[in-house]
Amino acid sequence: MRRLRFRLTISGAELQRYYTGRVSALTVMTEQGLRLQLPLHHFRRFVGHTGLNGRFEVVLDEGNALRQLQRLEG
């Protein structure tokens, strides 16, 4: 298993553009220096009134398939 962490700050207005169907994935730069592309639907449960904000951790299996995505405290 591999754990990667990253930060996201996307405003509510900007997110509307994503959810109109034009964008199906987010590309992030991890704290480990890797570029990671994740399907946008995995982030829906983290969207609030101000948009999508926070520090996140993704857990990937040996084949780089997404096993877990969580928002971290702080």
PDB file of N, CA and C in Angstrom:
ATOM      1  N   MET A   1       0.839  -1.183   0.000  1.00  0.00           N
ATOM      2  CA  MET A   1       0.000   0.000   0.000  1.00  0.00           C
ATOM      3  C   MET A   1       0.880   1.241   0.000  1.00  0.00           C
ATOM      4  N   ARG A   2       0.381   2.244  -0.653  1.00  0.00           N
ATOM      5  CA  ARG A   2       1.120   3.496  -0.775  1.00  0.00           C
ATOM      6  C   ARG A   2       0.218   4.642  -0.331  1.00  0.00           C
ATOM      7  N   ARG A   3       0.719   5.544   0.493  1.00  0.00           N
ATOM      8  CA  ARG A   3      -0.042   6.689   0.989  1.00  0.00           C
ATOM      9  C   ARG A   3       0.570   7.968   0.439  1.00  0.00           C
ATOM     10  N   LEU A   4      -0.280   8.795  -0.158  1.00  0.00           N
ATOM     11  CA  LEU A   4       0.156  10.069  -0.716  1.00  0.00           C
ATOM     12  C   LEU A   4      -0.727  11.174  -0.158  1.00  0.00           C
ATOM     13  N   ARG A   5      -0.132  12.319   0.133  1.00  0.00           N
ATOM     14  CA  ARG A   5      -0.881  13.447   0.698  1.00  0.00           C
ATOM     15  C   ARG A   5      -0.781  14.669  -0.203  1.00  0.00           C
ATOM     16  N   PHE A   6      -1.864  15.475  -0.182  1.00  0.00           N
ATOM     17  CA  PHE A   6      -1.901  16.690  -1.002  1.00  0.00           C
ATOM     18  C   PHE A   6      -2.922  17.655  -0.425  1.00  0.00           C
ATOM     19  N   ARG A   7      -2.830  18.911  -0.838  1.00  0.00           N
ATOM     20  CA  ARG A   7      -3.767  19.959  -0.431  1.00  0.00           C
ATOM     21  C   ARG A   7      -4.586  20.394  -1.631  1.00  0.00           C
ATOM     22  N   LEU A   8      -5.843  20.747  -1.355  1.00  0.00           N
ATOM     23  CA  LEU A   8      -6.738  21.275  -2.385  1.00  0.00           C
ATOM     24  C   LEU A   8      -7.430  22.521  -1.870  1.00  0.00           C
ATOM     25  N   THR A   9      -7.545  23.522  -2.724  1.00  0.00           N
ATOM     26  CA  THR A   9      -8.332  24.710  -2.448  1.00  0.00           C
ATOM     27  C   THR A   9      -9.021  25.085  -3.744  1.00  0.00           C
ATOM     28  N   ILE A  10     -10.289  24.730  -3.846  1.00  0.00           N
ATOM     29  CA  ILE A  10     -11.077  25.013  -5.047  1.00  0.00           C
ATOM     30  C   ILE A  10     -12.370  25.691  -4.594  1.00  0.00           C
ATOM     31  N   SER A  11     -12.625  26.892  -5.084  1.00  0.00           N
ATOM     32  CA  SER A  11     -13.807  27.642  -4.675  1.00  0.00           C
ATOM     33  C   SER A  11     -15.084  26.970  -5.170  1.00  0.00           C
ATOM     34  N   GLY A  12     -16.197  27.335  -4.554  1.00  0.00           N
ATOM     35  CA  GLY A  12     -17.490  26.803  -4.970  1.00  0.00           C
ATOM     36  C   GLY A  12     -17.811  27.147  -6.413  1.00  0.00           C
ATOM     37  N   ALA A  13     -17.498  28.386  -6.817  1.00  0.00           N
ATOM     38  CA  ALA A  13     -17.755  28.811  -8.197  1.00  0.00           C
ATOM     39  C   ALA A  13     -16.919  28.004  -9.188  1.00  0.00           C
ATOM     40  N   GLU A  14     -15.685  27.762  -8.835  1.00  0.00           N
ATOM     41  CA  GLU A  14     -14.811  26.975  -9.713  1.00  0.00           C
ATOM     42  C   GLU A  14     -15.290  25.526  -9.799  1.00  0.00           C
ATOM     43  N   LEU A  15     -15.774  24.998  -8.702  1.00  0.00           N
ATOM     44  CA  LEU A  15     -16.269  23.619  -8.695  1.00  0.00           C
ATOM     45  C   LEU A  15     -17.481  23.433  -9.606  1.00  0.00           C
ATOM     46  N   GLN A  16     -18.311  24.448  -9.721  1.00  0.00           N
ATOM     47  CA  GLN A  16     -19.473  24.357 -10.601  1.00  0.00           C
ATOM     48  C   GLN A  16     -19.039  24.031 -12.022  1.00  0.00           C
ATOM     49  N   ARG A  17     -17.953  24.613 -12.442  1.00  0.00           N
ATOM     50  CA  ARG A  17     -17.421  24.338 -13.781  1.00  0.00           C
ATOM     51  C   ARG A  17     -17.024  22.867 -13.907  1.00  0.00           C
ATOM     52  N   TYR A  18     -16.440  22.325 -12.853  1.00  0.00           N
ATOM     53  CA  TYR A  18     -16.045  20.921 -12.889  1.00  0.00           C
ATOM     54  C   TYR A  18     -17.252  19.999 -13.001  1.00  0.00           C
ATOM     55  N   TYR A  19     -18.290  20.323 -12.236  1.00  0.00           N
ATOM     56  CA  TYR A  19     -19.439  19.428 -12.176  1.00  0.00           C
ATOM     57  C   TYR A  19     -20.430  19.597 -13.319  1.00  0.00           C
ATOM     58  N   THR A  20     -20.143  20.465 -14.269  1.00  0.00           N
ATOM     59  CA  THR A  20     -21.020  20.576 -15.441  1.00  0.00           C
ATOM     60  C   THR A  20     -20.688  19.508 -16.470  1.00  0.00           C
ATOM     61  N   GLY A  21     -19.727  18.664 -16.166  1.00  0.00           N
ATOM     62  CA  GLY A  21     -19.385  17.566 -17.060  1.00  0.00           C
ATOM     63  C   GLY A  21     -18.163  17.806 -17.911  1.00  0.00           C
ATOM     64  N   ARG A  22     -17.586  18.982 -17.819  1.00  0.00           N
ATOM     65  CA  ARG A  22     -16.408  19.295 -18.633  1.00  0.00           C
ATOM     66  C   ARG A  22     -15.135  18.634 -18.112  1.00  0.00           C
ATOM     67  N   VAL A  23     -15.112  18.395 -16.808  1.00  0.00           N
ATOM     68  CA  VAL A  23     -13.924  17.824 -16.170  1.00  0.00           C
ATOM     69  C   VAL A  23     -14.336  16.553 -15.438  1.00  0.00           C
ATOM     70  N   SER A  24     -13.622  15.473 -15.662  1.00  0.00           N
ATOM     71  CA  SER A  24     -13.962  14.219 -14.997  1.00  0.00           C
ATOM     72  C   SER A  24     -12.940  13.812 -13.934  1.00  0.00           C
ATOM     73  N   ALA A  25     -11.801  14.530 -13.887  1.00  0.00           N
ATOM     74  CA  ALA A  25     -10.755  14.172 -12.927  1.00  0.00           C
ATOM     75  C   ALA A  25      -9.999  15.417 -12.480  1.00  0.00           C
ATOM     76  N   LEU A  26      -9.428  15.329 -11.297  1.00  0.00           N
ATOM     77  CA  LEU A  26      -8.556  16.370 -10.772  1.00  0.00           C
ATOM     78  C   LEU A  26      -7.124  15.864 -10.833  1.00  0.00           C
ATOM     79  N   THR A  27      -6.219  16.738 -11.211  1.00  0.00           N
ATOM     80  CA  THR A  27      -4.804  16.412 -11.168  1.00  0.00           C
ATOM     81  C   THR A  27      -4.182  17.225 -10.052  1.00  0.00           C
ATOM     82  N   VAL A  28      -3.519  16.552  -9.140  1.00  0.00           N
ATOM     83  CA  VAL A  28      -2.912  17.208  -7.982  1.00  0.00           C
ATOM     84  C   VAL A  28      -1.428  16.872  -7.924  1.00  0.00           C
ATOM     85  N   MET A  29      -0.687  17.742  -7.257  1.00  0.00           N
ATOM     86  CA  MET A  29       0.721  17.478  -6.982  1.00  0.00           C
ATOM     87  C   MET A  29       0.811  17.062  -5.520  1.00  0.00           C
ATOM     88  N   THR A  30       1.314  15.877  -5.266  1.00  0.00           N
ATOM     89  CA  THR A  30       1.388  15.375  -3.896  1.00  0.00           C
ATOM     90  C   THR A  30       2.563  16.002  -3.160  1.00  0.00           C
ATOM     91  N   GLU A  31       2.527  15.900  -1.846  1.00  0.00           N
ATOM     92  CA  GLU A  31       3.634  16.385  -1.023  1.00  0.00           C
ATOM     93  C   GLU A  31       4.912  15.609  -1.305  1.00  0.00           C
ATOM     94  N   GLN A  32       4.779  14.432  -1.883  1.00  0.00           N
ATOM     95  CA  GLN A  32       5.933  13.599  -2.224  1.00  0.00           C
ATOM     96  C   GLN A  32       6.503  13.969  -3.593  1.00  0.00           C
ATOM     97  N   GLY A  33       5.896  14.960  -4.266  1.00  0.00           N
ATOM     98  CA  GLY A  33       6.396  15.423  -5.552  1.00  0.00           C
ATOM     99  C   GLY A  33       5.872  14.655  -6.756  1.00  0.00           C
ATOM    100  N   LEU A  34       4.827  13.879  -6.584  1.00  0.00           N
ATOM    101  CA  LEU A  34       4.252  13.100  -7.679  1.00  0.00           C
ATOM    102  C   LEU A  34       2.981  13.762  -8.189  1.00  0.00           C
ATOM    103  N   ARG A  35       2.748  13.685  -9.476  1.00  0.00           N
ATOM    104  CA  ARG A  35       1.495  14.163 -10.060  1.00  0.00           C
ATOM    105  C   ARG A  35       0.518  13.001 -10.036  1.00  0.00           C
ATOM    106  N   LEU A  36      -0.680  13.266  -9.527  1.00  0.00           N
ATOM    107  CA  LEU A  36      -1.682  12.227  -9.331  1.00  0.00           C
ATOM    108  C   LEU A  36      -3.005  12.697  -9.921  1.00  0.00           C
ATOM    109  N   GLN A  37      -3.641  11.851 -10.707  1.00  0.00           N
ATOM    110  CA  GLN A  37      -4.940  12.170 -11.289  1.00  0.00           C
ATOM    111  C   GLN A  37      -5.997  11.283 -10.641  1.00  0.00           C
ATOM    112  N   LEU A  38      -7.047  11.929 -10.100  1.00  0.00           N
ATOM    113  CA  LEU A  38      -8.101  11.218  -9.388  1.00  0.00           C
ATOM    114  C   LEU A  38      -9.462  11.578  -9.974  1.00  0.00           C
ATOM    115  N   PRO A  39     -10.328  10.596 -10.163  1.00  0.00           N
ATOM    116  CA  PRO A  39     -11.679  10.886 -10.654  1.00  0.00           C
ATOM    117  C   PRO A  39     -12.401  11.852  -9.716  1.00  0.00           C
ATOM    118  N   LEU A  40     -13.058  12.830 -10.285  1.00  0.00           N
ATOM    119  CA  LEU A  40     -13.712  13.887  -9.525  1.00  0.00           C
ATOM    120  C   LEU A  40     -14.802  13.369  -8.603  1.00  0.00           C
ATOM    121  N   HIS A  41     -15.498  12.319  -8.989  1.00  0.00           N
ATOM    122  CA  HIS A  41     -16.613  11.837  -8.162  1.00  0.00           C
ATOM    123  C   HIS A  41     -16.182  11.386  -6.768  1.00  0.00           C
ATOM    124  N   HIS A  42     -14.916  11.057  -6.584  1.00  0.00           N
ATOM    125  CA  HIS A  42     -14.435  10.636  -5.265  1.00  0.00           C
ATOM    126  C   HIS A  42     -14.434  11.787  -4.260  1.00  0.00           C
ATOM    127  N   PHE A  43     -14.473  13.027  -4.758  1.00  0.00           N
ATOM    128  CA  PHE A  43     -14.393  14.190  -3.873  1.00  0.00           C
ATOM    129  C   PHE A  43     -15.754  14.743  -3.468  1.00  0.00           C
ATOM    130  N   ARG A  44     -16.836  14.250  -4.015  1.00  0.00           N
ATOM    131  CA  ARG A  44     -18.174  14.828  -3.767  1.00  0.00           C
ATOM    132  C   ARG A  44     -18.511  14.934  -2.287  1.00  0.00           C
ATOM    133  N   ARG A  45     -18.164  13.939  -1.509  1.00  0.00           N
ATOM    134  CA  ARG A  45     -18.530  13.954  -0.081  1.00  0.00           C
ATOM    135  C   ARG A  45     -17.759  14.996   0.726  1.00  0.00           C
ATOM    136  N   PHE A  46     -16.706  15.581   0.124  1.00  0.00           N
ATOM    137  CA  PHE A  46     -15.904  16.582   0.818  1.00  0.00           C
ATOM    138  C   PHE A  46     -16.253  18.015   0.414  1.00  0.00           C
ATOM    139  N   VAL A  47     -17.164  18.187  -0.510  1.00  0.00           N
ATOM    140  CA  VAL A  47     -17.521  19.519  -1.001  1.00  0.00           C
ATOM    141  C   VAL A  47     -18.444  20.196   0.004  1.00  0.00           C
ATOM    142  N   GLY A  48     -18.093  21.439   0.358  1.00  0.00           N
ATOM    143  CA  GLY A  48     -18.905  22.227   1.284  1.00  0.00           C
ATOM    144  C   GLY A  48     -19.358  23.514   0.624  1.00  0.00           C
ATOM    145  N   HIS A  49     -19.929  24.398   1.417  1.00  0.00           N
ATOM    146  CA  HIS A  49     -20.431  25.673   0.894  1.00  0.00           C
ATOM    147  C   HIS A  49     -19.321  26.539   0.305  1.00  0.00           C
ATOM    148  N   THR A  50     -18.133  26.412   0.831  1.00  0.00           N
ATOM    149  CA  THR A  50     -17.014  27.221   0.347  1.00  0.00           C
ATOM    150  C   THR A  50     -16.230  26.539  -0.764  1.00  0.00           C
ATOM    151  N   GLY A  51     -16.614  25.342  -1.118  1.00  0.00           N
ATOM    152  CA  GLY A  51     -15.912  24.606  -2.174  1.00  0.00           C
ATOM    153  C   GLY A  51     -15.268  23.339  -1.641  1.00  0.00           C
ATOM    154  N   LEU A  52     -14.107  23.054  -2.163  1.00  0.00           N
ATOM    155  CA  LEU A  52     -13.362  21.848  -1.793  1.00  0.00           C
ATOM    156  C   LEU A  52     -12.023  22.289  -1.236  1.00  0.00           C
ATOM    157  N   ASN A  53     -11.875  22.165   0.065  1.00  0.00           N
ATOM    158  CA  ASN A  53     -10.671  22.659   0.733  1.00  0.00           C
ATOM    159  C   ASN A  53     -10.158  21.641   1.730  1.00  0.00           C
ATOM    160  N   GLY A  54      -8.846  21.578   1.868  1.00  0.00           N
ATOM    161  CA  GLY A  54      -8.273  20.741   2.911  1.00  0.00           C
ATOM    162  C   GLY A  54      -7.048  19.983   2.463  1.00  0.00           C
ATOM    163  N   ARG A  55      -6.563  19.223   3.403  1.00  0.00           N
ATOM    164  CA  ARG A  55      -5.417  18.340   3.167  1.00  0.00           C
ATOM    165  C   ARG A  55      -5.968  16.929   3.116  1.00  0.00           C
ATOM    166  N   PHE A  56      -5.558  16.181   2.113  1.00  0.00           N
ATOM    167  CA  PHE A  56      -6.119  14.861   1.854  1.00  0.00           C
ATOM    168  C   PHE A  56      -5.020  13.809   1.799  1.00  0.00           C
ATOM    169  N   GLU A  57      -5.435  12.572   2.073  1.00  0.00           N
ATOM    170  CA  GLU A  57      -4.535  11.428   1.926  1.00  0.00           C
ATOM    171  C   GLU A  57      -5.243  10.381   1.076  1.00  0.00           C
ATOM    172  N   VAL A  58      -4.519   9.859   0.116  1.00  0.00           N
ATOM    173  CA  VAL A  58      -5.038   8.795  -0.731  1.00  0.00           C
ATOM    174  C   VAL A  58      -4.195   7.549  -0.477  1.00  0.00           C
ATOM    175  N   VAL A  59      -4.861   6.406  -0.427  1.00  0.00           N
ATOM    176  CA  VAL A  59      -4.175   5.125  -0.267  1.00  0.00           C
ATOM    177  C   VAL A  59      -4.352   4.357  -1.572  1.00  0.00           C
ATOM    178  N   LEU A  60      -3.236   3.945  -2.158  1.00  0.00           N
ATOM    179  CA  LEU A  60      -3.234   3.193  -3.407  1.00  0.00           C
ATOM    180  C   LEU A  60      -2.725   1.782  -3.148  1.00  0.00           C
ATOM    181  N   ASP A  61      -3.259   0.814  -3.888  1.00  0.00           N
ATOM    182  CA  ASP A  61      -2.750  -0.550  -3.757  1.00  0.00           C
ATOM    183  C   ASP A  61      -1.518  -0.733  -4.650  1.00  0.00           C
ATOM    184  N   GLU A  62      -1.016  -1.940  -4.717  1.00  0.00           N
ATOM    185  CA  GLU A  62       0.201  -2.217  -5.481  1.00  0.00           C
ATOM    186  C   GLU A  62       0.041  -1.929  -6.971  1.00  0.00           C
ATOM    187  N   GLY A  63      -1.177  -1.990  -7.483  1.00  0.00           N
ATOM    188  CA  GLY A  63      -1.454  -1.682  -8.882  1.00  0.00           C
ATOM    189  C   GLY A  63      -1.843  -0.229  -9.102  1.00  0.00           C
ATOM    190  N   ASN A  64      -1.654   0.617  -8.083  1.00  0.00           N
ATOM    191  CA  ASN A  64      -1.989   2.042  -8.099  1.00  0.00           C
ATOM    192  C   ASN A  64      -3.482   2.313  -8.210  1.00  0.00           C
ATOM    193  N   ALA A  65      -4.320   1.357  -7.812  1.00  0.00           N
ATOM    194  CA  ALA A  65      -5.762   1.569  -7.766  1.00  0.00           C
ATOM    195  C   ALA A  65      -6.113   2.247  -6.441  1.00  0.00           C
ATOM    196  N   LEU A  66      -7.051   3.171  -6.492  1.00  0.00           N
ATOM    197  CA  LEU A  66      -7.483   3.904  -5.318  1.00  0.00           C
ATOM    198  C   LEU A  66      -8.187   2.975  -4.335  1.00  0.00           C
ATOM    199  N   ARG A  67      -7.720   2.947  -3.106  1.00  0.00           N
ATOM    200  CA  ARG A  67      -8.327   2.134  -2.063  1.00  0.00           C
ATOM    201  C   ARG A  67      -9.037   3.005  -1.040  1.00  0.00           C
ATOM    202  N   GLN A  68      -8.527   4.214  -0.798  1.00  0.00           N
ATOM    203  CA  GLN A  68      -9.123   5.085   0.210  1.00  0.00           C
ATOM    204  C   GLN A  68      -8.747   6.523  -0.072  1.00  0.00           C
ATOM    205  N   LEU A  69      -9.689   7.437   0.191  1.00  0.00           N
ATOM    206  CA  LEU A  69      -9.446   8.865   0.123  1.00  0.00           C
ATOM    207  C   LEU A  69     -10.065   9.474   1.359  1.00  0.00           C
ATOM    208  N   GLN A  70      -9.277  10.234   2.119  1.00  0.00           N
ATOM    209  CA  GLN A  70      -9.798  10.864   3.327  1.00  0.00           C
ATOM    210  C   GLN A  70      -9.236  12.258   3.490  1.00  0.00           C
ATOM    211  N   ARG A  71     -10.036  13.120   4.139  1.00  0.00           N
ATOM    212  CA  ARG A  71      -9.554  14.458   4.473  1.00  0.00           C
ATOM    213  C   ARG A  71      -8.870  14.361   5.833  1.00  0.00           C
ATOM    214  N   LEU A  72      -7.712  14.954   5.952  1.00  0.00           N
ATOM    215  CA  LEU A  72      -6.948  14.924   7.189  1.00  0.00           C
ATOM    216  C   LEU A  72      -7.271  16.150   8.025  1.00  0.00           C
ATOM    217  N   GLU A  73      -7.121  16.032   9.313  1.00  0.00           N
ATOM    218  CA  GLU A  73      -7.299  17.175  10.216  1.00  0.00           C
ATOM    219  C   GLU A  73      -6.082  18.084  10.124  1.00  0.00           C
ATOM    220  N   GLY A  74      -6.325  19.368  10.252  1.00  0.00           N
ATOM    221  CA  GLY A  74      -5.228  20.342  10.276  1.00  0.00           C
ATOM    222  C   GLY A  74      -4.679  20.585   8.995  1.00  0.00           C
TER     223      GLY A  74
END
